[in-house]
Amino acid sequence: GTLVAALLASFAITACRSDALGPTLDFSDVGPRGTITLISLRLLDIDSDGTTIDLFGPDDTPITLGIPVTPTGDSTITPPINLGPTSGVAKIVVTFNLSGAIDDILFVPDL
């Protein structure tokens, strides 16, 4: 509820950057362990195949790589993409084939 929304708002402002891999969401400052339990997320504007999601633990240890995202079309939002619950996630990397944006991340901090 409120705690997740507050953490998400703070996270979205401070921990999103774009690099060669695609947007990287870093959760290392969230909660006492610097990891989260990821439940789902939604993406915007996925209009072709080739967009993938990678999940990493601390020290960039791969958890799950190459999760495919089904295109939903230009200017649309995907249904929630079920990613768990997956605990120990420190970083999410989304590689967009073309345009896209990240929206509605559902998670709880690992305690």
N, C-alpha and C. Protein backbone atom coordinates (compact mmCIF):
# COMPACT_ATOMS: atom_id res chain seq x y z
N GLY A 1 0.79 -1.19 0.00
CA GLY A 1 0.00 0.00 0.00
C GLY A 1 0.83 1.25 0.00
N THR A 2 0.70 2.03 1.06
CA THR A 2 1.31 3.34 1.13
C THR A 2 2.83 3.26 1.14
N LEU A 3 3.38 2.31 1.90
CA LEU A 3 4.84 2.18 1.97
C LEU A 3 5.42 1.91 0.60
N VAL A 4 4.85 0.98 -0.14
CA VAL A 4 5.35 0.67 -1.48
C VAL A 4 5.25 1.89 -2.38
N ALA A 5 4.12 2.60 -2.32
CA ALA A 5 3.96 3.78 -3.16
C ALA A 5 4.99 4.84 -2.81
N ALA A 6 5.25 5.04 -1.53
CA ALA A 6 6.23 6.05 -1.12
C ALA A 6 7.63 5.66 -1.58
N LEU A 7 7.99 4.39 -1.40
CA LEU A 7 9.30 3.93 -1.85
C LEU A 7 9.42 4.03 -3.36
N LEU A 8 8.36 3.70 -4.06
CA LEU A 8 8.38 3.75 -5.52
C LEU A 8 8.58 5.18 -6.00
N ALA A 9 7.89 6.14 -5.39
CA ALA A 9 8.03 7.53 -5.80
C ALA A 9 9.47 8.00 -5.59
N SER A 10 10.03 7.68 -4.45
CA SER A 10 11.41 8.07 -4.15
C SER A 10 12.38 7.37 -5.10
N PHE A 11 12.17 6.10 -5.31
CA PHE A 11 13.02 5.30 -6.19
C PHE A 11 13.00 5.84 -7.62
N ALA A 12 11.82 6.14 -8.13
CA ALA A 12 11.70 6.56 -9.53
C ALA A 12 12.46 7.85 -9.79
N ILE A 13 12.53 8.71 -8.81
CA ILE A 13 13.21 9.99 -8.98
C ILE A 13 14.72 9.83 -8.88
N THR A 14 15.18 8.93 -7.99
CA THR A 14 16.60 8.91 -7.68
C THR A 14 17.39 7.76 -8.28
N ALA A 15 16.73 6.71 -8.78
CA ALA A 15 17.50 5.52 -9.10
C ALA A 15 17.31 5.01 -10.52
N CYS A 16 16.89 5.83 -11.44
CA CYS A 16 16.72 5.37 -12.81
C CYS A 16 17.75 6.06 -13.69
N ARG A 17 18.49 5.28 -14.44
CA ARG A 17 19.45 5.87 -15.37
C ARG A 17 19.39 5.08 -16.67
N SER A 18 19.85 5.69 -17.74
CA SER A 18 19.88 4.99 -19.01
C SER A 18 21.33 4.74 -19.39
N ASP A 19 21.63 3.53 -19.81
CA ASP A 19 22.98 3.22 -20.25
C ASP A 19 22.90 2.29 -21.46
N ALA A 20 24.02 1.71 -21.84
CA ALA A 20 24.05 0.89 -23.05
C ALA A 20 23.14 -0.32 -22.95
N LEU A 21 22.87 -0.81 -21.74
CA LEU A 21 22.01 -1.97 -21.58
C LEU A 21 20.54 -1.62 -21.65
N GLY A 22 20.21 -0.37 -21.50
CA GLY A 22 18.82 0.06 -21.39
C GLY A 22 18.61 0.67 -20.02
N PRO A 23 17.39 1.13 -19.74
CA PRO A 23 17.15 1.71 -18.43
C PRO A 23 17.48 0.70 -17.33
N THR A 24 18.23 1.16 -16.33
CA THR A 24 18.61 0.32 -15.21
C THR A 24 17.98 0.89 -13.95
N LEU A 25 17.24 0.06 -13.24
CA LEU A 25 16.61 0.47 -11.99
C LEU A 25 17.39 -0.17 -10.86
N ASP A 26 18.02 0.67 -10.04
CA ASP A 26 18.92 0.20 -8.99
C ASP A 26 18.21 0.33 -7.64
N PHE A 27 18.03 -0.79 -6.94
CA PHE A 27 17.33 -0.80 -5.67
C PHE A 27 18.29 -0.92 -4.49
N SER A 28 19.57 -0.68 -4.69
CA SER A 28 20.57 -0.91 -3.64
C SER A 28 20.38 0.00 -2.43
N ASP A 29 19.63 1.08 -2.55
CA ASP A 29 19.37 1.97 -1.40
C ASP A 29 17.98 1.77 -0.82
N VAL A 30 17.25 0.74 -1.25
CA VAL A 30 15.89 0.52 -0.77
C VAL A 30 15.91 -0.55 0.31
N GLY A 31 15.37 -0.22 1.46
CA GLY A 31 15.27 -1.19 2.55
C GLY A 31 16.60 -1.49 3.19
N PRO A 32 16.57 -2.29 4.25
CA PRO A 32 17.79 -2.56 5.01
C PRO A 32 18.80 -3.46 4.28
N ARG A 33 18.34 -4.26 3.31
CA ARG A 33 19.24 -5.19 2.62
C ARG A 33 19.68 -4.69 1.25
N GLY A 34 19.03 -3.63 0.75
CA GLY A 34 19.37 -3.14 -0.57
C GLY A 34 18.85 -4.02 -1.69
N THR A 35 17.86 -4.86 -1.36
CA THR A 35 17.21 -5.70 -2.36
C THR A 35 15.70 -5.66 -2.13
N ILE A 36 14.98 -6.11 -3.14
CA ILE A 36 13.52 -6.13 -3.07
C ILE A 36 13.00 -7.50 -3.46
N THR A 37 11.74 -7.74 -3.13
CA THR A 37 11.00 -8.85 -3.70
C THR A 37 10.13 -8.25 -4.78
N LEU A 38 10.42 -8.59 -6.01
CA LEU A 38 9.72 -8.05 -7.17
C LEU A 38 8.51 -8.91 -7.48
N ILE A 39 7.38 -8.24 -7.69
CA ILE A 39 6.15 -8.97 -7.99
C ILE A 39 5.76 -8.79 -9.46
N SER A 40 5.70 -7.55 -9.92
CA SER A 40 5.31 -7.31 -11.32
C SER A 40 5.70 -5.90 -11.73
N LEU A 41 5.64 -5.65 -13.02
CA LEU A 41 5.76 -4.29 -13.54
C LEU A 41 4.99 -4.20 -14.84
N ARG A 42 4.78 -2.99 -15.29
CA ARG A 42 4.10 -2.75 -16.57
C ARG A 42 5.00 -1.86 -17.41
N LEU A 43 4.89 -2.01 -18.71
CA LEU A 43 5.67 -1.20 -19.65
C LEU A 43 4.72 -0.45 -20.58
N LEU A 44 5.18 0.66 -21.10
CA LEU A 44 4.40 1.47 -22.02
C LEU A 44 5.03 1.45 -23.41
N ASP A 45 4.19 1.51 -24.43
CA ASP A 45 4.64 1.74 -25.79
C ASP A 45 5.54 0.63 -26.35
N ILE A 46 5.18 -0.63 -26.09
CA ILE A 46 5.95 -1.77 -26.61
C ILE A 46 5.29 -2.19 -27.91
N ASP A 47 5.82 -1.71 -29.03
CA ASP A 47 5.15 -1.93 -30.31
C ASP A 47 5.83 -2.94 -31.22
N SER A 48 6.87 -3.65 -30.73
CA SER A 48 7.48 -4.70 -31.54
C SER A 48 8.18 -5.70 -30.63
N ASP A 49 8.47 -6.89 -31.16
CA ASP A 49 9.21 -7.91 -30.41
C ASP A 49 10.62 -7.43 -30.11
N GLY A 50 11.25 -8.01 -29.11
CA GLY A 50 12.65 -7.74 -28.83
C GLY A 50 12.91 -7.05 -27.51
N THR A 51 11.88 -6.59 -26.81
CA THR A 51 12.08 -5.98 -25.50
C THR A 51 12.21 -7.09 -24.47
N THR A 52 13.22 -6.98 -23.58
CA THR A 52 13.46 -8.00 -22.57
C THR A 52 13.71 -7.36 -21.21
N ILE A 53 13.53 -8.17 -20.16
CA ILE A 53 13.78 -7.75 -18.78
C ILE A 53 14.81 -8.69 -18.18
N ASP A 54 15.81 -8.11 -17.50
CA ASP A 54 16.83 -8.88 -16.80
C ASP A 54 16.79 -8.50 -15.32
N LEU A 55 16.89 -9.51 -14.45
CA LEU A 55 16.90 -9.29 -13.02
C LEU A 55 18.26 -9.70 -12.46
N PHE A 56 18.82 -8.83 -11.59
CA PHE A 56 20.12 -9.08 -11.01
C PHE A 56 20.05 -8.93 -9.49
N GLY A 57 20.87 -9.72 -8.79
CA GLY A 57 21.02 -9.59 -7.36
C GLY A 57 22.17 -8.66 -7.04
N PRO A 58 22.58 -8.63 -5.78
CA PRO A 58 23.73 -7.81 -5.41
C PRO A 58 24.97 -8.20 -6.22
N ASP A 59 25.85 -7.25 -6.43
CA ASP A 59 27.09 -7.47 -7.19
C ASP A 59 26.82 -7.96 -8.61
N ASP A 60 25.66 -7.57 -9.18
CA ASP A 60 25.29 -7.91 -10.56
C ASP A 60 25.19 -9.41 -10.81
N THR A 61 24.89 -10.19 -9.78
CA THR A 61 24.68 -11.62 -9.95
C THR A 61 23.38 -11.85 -10.70
N PRO A 62 23.41 -12.52 -11.86
CA PRO A 62 22.17 -12.75 -12.62
C PRO A 62 21.18 -13.61 -11.84
N ILE A 63 19.92 -13.20 -11.84
CA ILE A 63 18.84 -14.00 -11.27
C ILE A 63 18.04 -14.62 -12.41
N THR A 64 17.51 -13.79 -13.29
CA THR A 64 16.78 -14.23 -14.47
C THR A 64 17.10 -13.28 -15.61
N LEU A 65 17.50 -13.81 -16.76
CA LEU A 65 17.88 -12.97 -17.90
C LEU A 65 16.97 -13.24 -19.09
N GLY A 66 16.72 -12.19 -19.87
CA GLY A 66 16.04 -12.33 -21.14
C GLY A 66 14.55 -12.64 -21.06
N ILE A 67 13.88 -12.12 -20.05
CA ILE A 67 12.43 -12.33 -19.95
C ILE A 67 11.78 -11.55 -21.10
N PRO A 68 11.10 -12.23 -22.03
CA PRO A 68 10.53 -11.52 -23.18
C PRO A 68 9.26 -10.77 -22.80
N VAL A 69 9.05 -9.65 -23.48
CA VAL A 69 7.85 -8.84 -23.27
C VAL A 69 7.01 -8.89 -24.55
N THR A 70 5.76 -9.26 -24.40
CA THR A 70 4.84 -9.32 -25.55
C THR A 70 4.42 -7.92 -25.95
N PRO A 71 4.59 -7.55 -27.22
CA PRO A 71 4.17 -6.22 -27.67
C PRO A 71 2.66 -6.03 -27.51
N THR A 72 2.29 -4.81 -27.11
CA THR A 72 0.86 -4.48 -26.99
C THR A 72 0.48 -3.34 -27.92
N GLY A 73 1.45 -2.73 -28.59
CA GLY A 73 1.15 -1.68 -29.56
C GLY A 73 1.61 -0.30 -29.14
N ASP A 74 1.64 0.57 -30.11
CA ASP A 74 2.06 1.95 -29.90
C ASP A 74 1.13 2.66 -28.92
N SER A 75 1.70 3.39 -27.99
CA SER A 75 0.97 4.21 -27.01
C SER A 75 0.01 3.40 -26.14
N THR A 76 0.36 2.15 -25.85
CA THR A 76 -0.45 1.31 -24.97
C THR A 76 0.37 0.90 -23.76
N ILE A 77 -0.31 0.39 -22.75
CA ILE A 77 0.36 -0.12 -21.55
C ILE A 77 0.16 -1.63 -21.49
N THR A 78 1.19 -2.35 -21.12
CA THR A 78 1.08 -3.80 -21.01
C THR A 78 0.24 -4.16 -19.79
N PRO A 79 -0.38 -5.33 -19.81
CA PRO A 79 -0.94 -5.83 -18.55
C PRO A 79 0.23 -6.05 -17.58
N PRO A 80 -0.04 -6.21 -16.29
CA PRO A 80 1.08 -6.49 -15.37
C PRO A 80 1.88 -7.71 -15.83
N ILE A 81 3.19 -7.56 -15.89
CA ILE A 81 4.10 -8.65 -16.25
C ILE A 81 4.51 -9.33 -14.96
N ASN A 82 4.08 -10.58 -14.76
CA ASN A 82 4.35 -11.31 -13.53
C ASN A 82 5.83 -11.67 -13.47
N LEU A 83 6.51 -11.18 -12.45
CA LEU A 83 7.94 -11.44 -12.30
C LEU A 83 8.26 -12.10 -10.96
N GLY A 84 7.29 -12.69 -10.35
CA GLY A 84 7.60 -13.31 -9.08
C GLY A 84 6.38 -13.77 -8.33
N PRO A 85 6.55 -13.78 -7.02
CA PRO A 85 7.53 -12.96 -6.31
C PRO A 85 8.96 -13.51 -6.45
N THR A 86 9.87 -12.60 -6.76
CA THR A 86 11.30 -12.92 -6.87
C THR A 86 12.04 -12.07 -5.84
N SER A 87 12.61 -12.72 -4.83
CA SER A 87 13.33 -11.98 -3.79
C SER A 87 14.80 -11.82 -4.17
N GLY A 88 15.45 -10.88 -3.50
CA GLY A 88 16.88 -10.66 -3.70
C GLY A 88 17.23 -9.83 -4.91
N VAL A 89 16.25 -9.12 -5.50
CA VAL A 89 16.50 -8.31 -6.69
C VAL A 89 17.12 -6.97 -6.27
N ALA A 90 18.30 -6.68 -6.80
CA ALA A 90 18.97 -5.40 -6.54
C ALA A 90 18.90 -4.49 -7.76
N LYS A 91 18.70 -5.08 -8.94
CA LYS A 91 18.71 -4.28 -10.16
C LYS A 91 17.80 -4.92 -11.20
N ILE A 92 17.05 -4.06 -11.91
CA ILE A 92 16.24 -4.48 -13.05
C ILE A 92 16.77 -3.74 -14.27
N VAL A 93 17.04 -4.46 -15.35
CA VAL A 93 17.45 -3.84 -16.61
C VAL A 93 16.40 -4.18 -17.66
N VAL A 94 15.82 -3.15 -18.27
CA VAL A 94 14.87 -3.35 -19.36
C VAL A 94 15.54 -2.91 -20.65
N THR A 95 15.64 -3.81 -21.61
CA THR A 95 16.22 -3.48 -22.91
C THR A 95 15.07 -3.36 -23.91
N PHE A 96 14.83 -2.13 -24.36
CA PHE A 96 13.76 -1.87 -25.31
C PHE A 96 14.25 -2.09 -26.73
N ASN A 97 13.45 -2.73 -27.57
CA ASN A 97 13.78 -2.90 -28.97
C ASN A 97 13.67 -1.56 -29.68
N LEU A 98 12.62 -0.83 -29.43
CA LEU A 98 12.43 0.51 -29.99
C LEU A 98 12.15 1.45 -28.82
N SER A 99 11.01 2.11 -28.85
CA SER A 99 10.67 3.02 -27.76
C SER A 99 10.01 2.25 -26.64
N GLY A 100 9.86 2.90 -25.48
CA GLY A 100 9.19 2.27 -24.36
C GLY A 100 9.47 3.01 -23.08
N ALA A 101 8.71 2.68 -22.07
CA ALA A 101 8.87 3.27 -20.74
C ALA A 101 8.46 2.25 -19.69
N ILE A 102 8.96 2.44 -18.48
CA ILE A 102 8.67 1.55 -17.36
C ILE A 102 7.59 2.22 -16.51
N ASP A 103 6.63 1.41 -16.05
CA ASP A 103 5.52 1.94 -15.26
C ASP A 103 5.11 0.92 -14.21
N ASP A 104 4.47 1.37 -13.16
CA ASP A 104 3.81 0.52 -12.17
C ASP A 104 4.65 -0.67 -11.71
N ILE A 105 5.69 -0.42 -10.95
CA ILE A 105 6.52 -1.50 -10.41
C ILE A 105 5.95 -1.89 -9.05
N LEU A 106 5.59 -3.16 -8.90
CA LEU A 106 5.05 -3.65 -7.64
C LEU A 106 6.14 -4.47 -6.95
N PHE A 107 6.55 -4.03 -5.76
CA PHE A 107 7.61 -4.70 -5.02
C PHE A 107 7.48 -4.39 -3.54
N VAL A 108 8.18 -5.16 -2.73
CA VAL A 108 8.34 -4.86 -1.31
C VAL A 108 9.81 -4.98 -0.97
N PRO A 109 10.33 -4.13 -0.08
CA PRO A 109 11.73 -4.23 0.32
C PRO A 109 11.97 -5.55 1.04
N ASP A 110 13.11 -6.18 0.79
CA ASP A 110 13.49 -7.36 1.54
C ASP A 110 13.96 -6.91 2.93
N LEU A 111 13.50 -7.61 3.95
CA LEU A 111 13.85 -7.24 5.33
C LEU A 111 14.90 -8.15 5.90
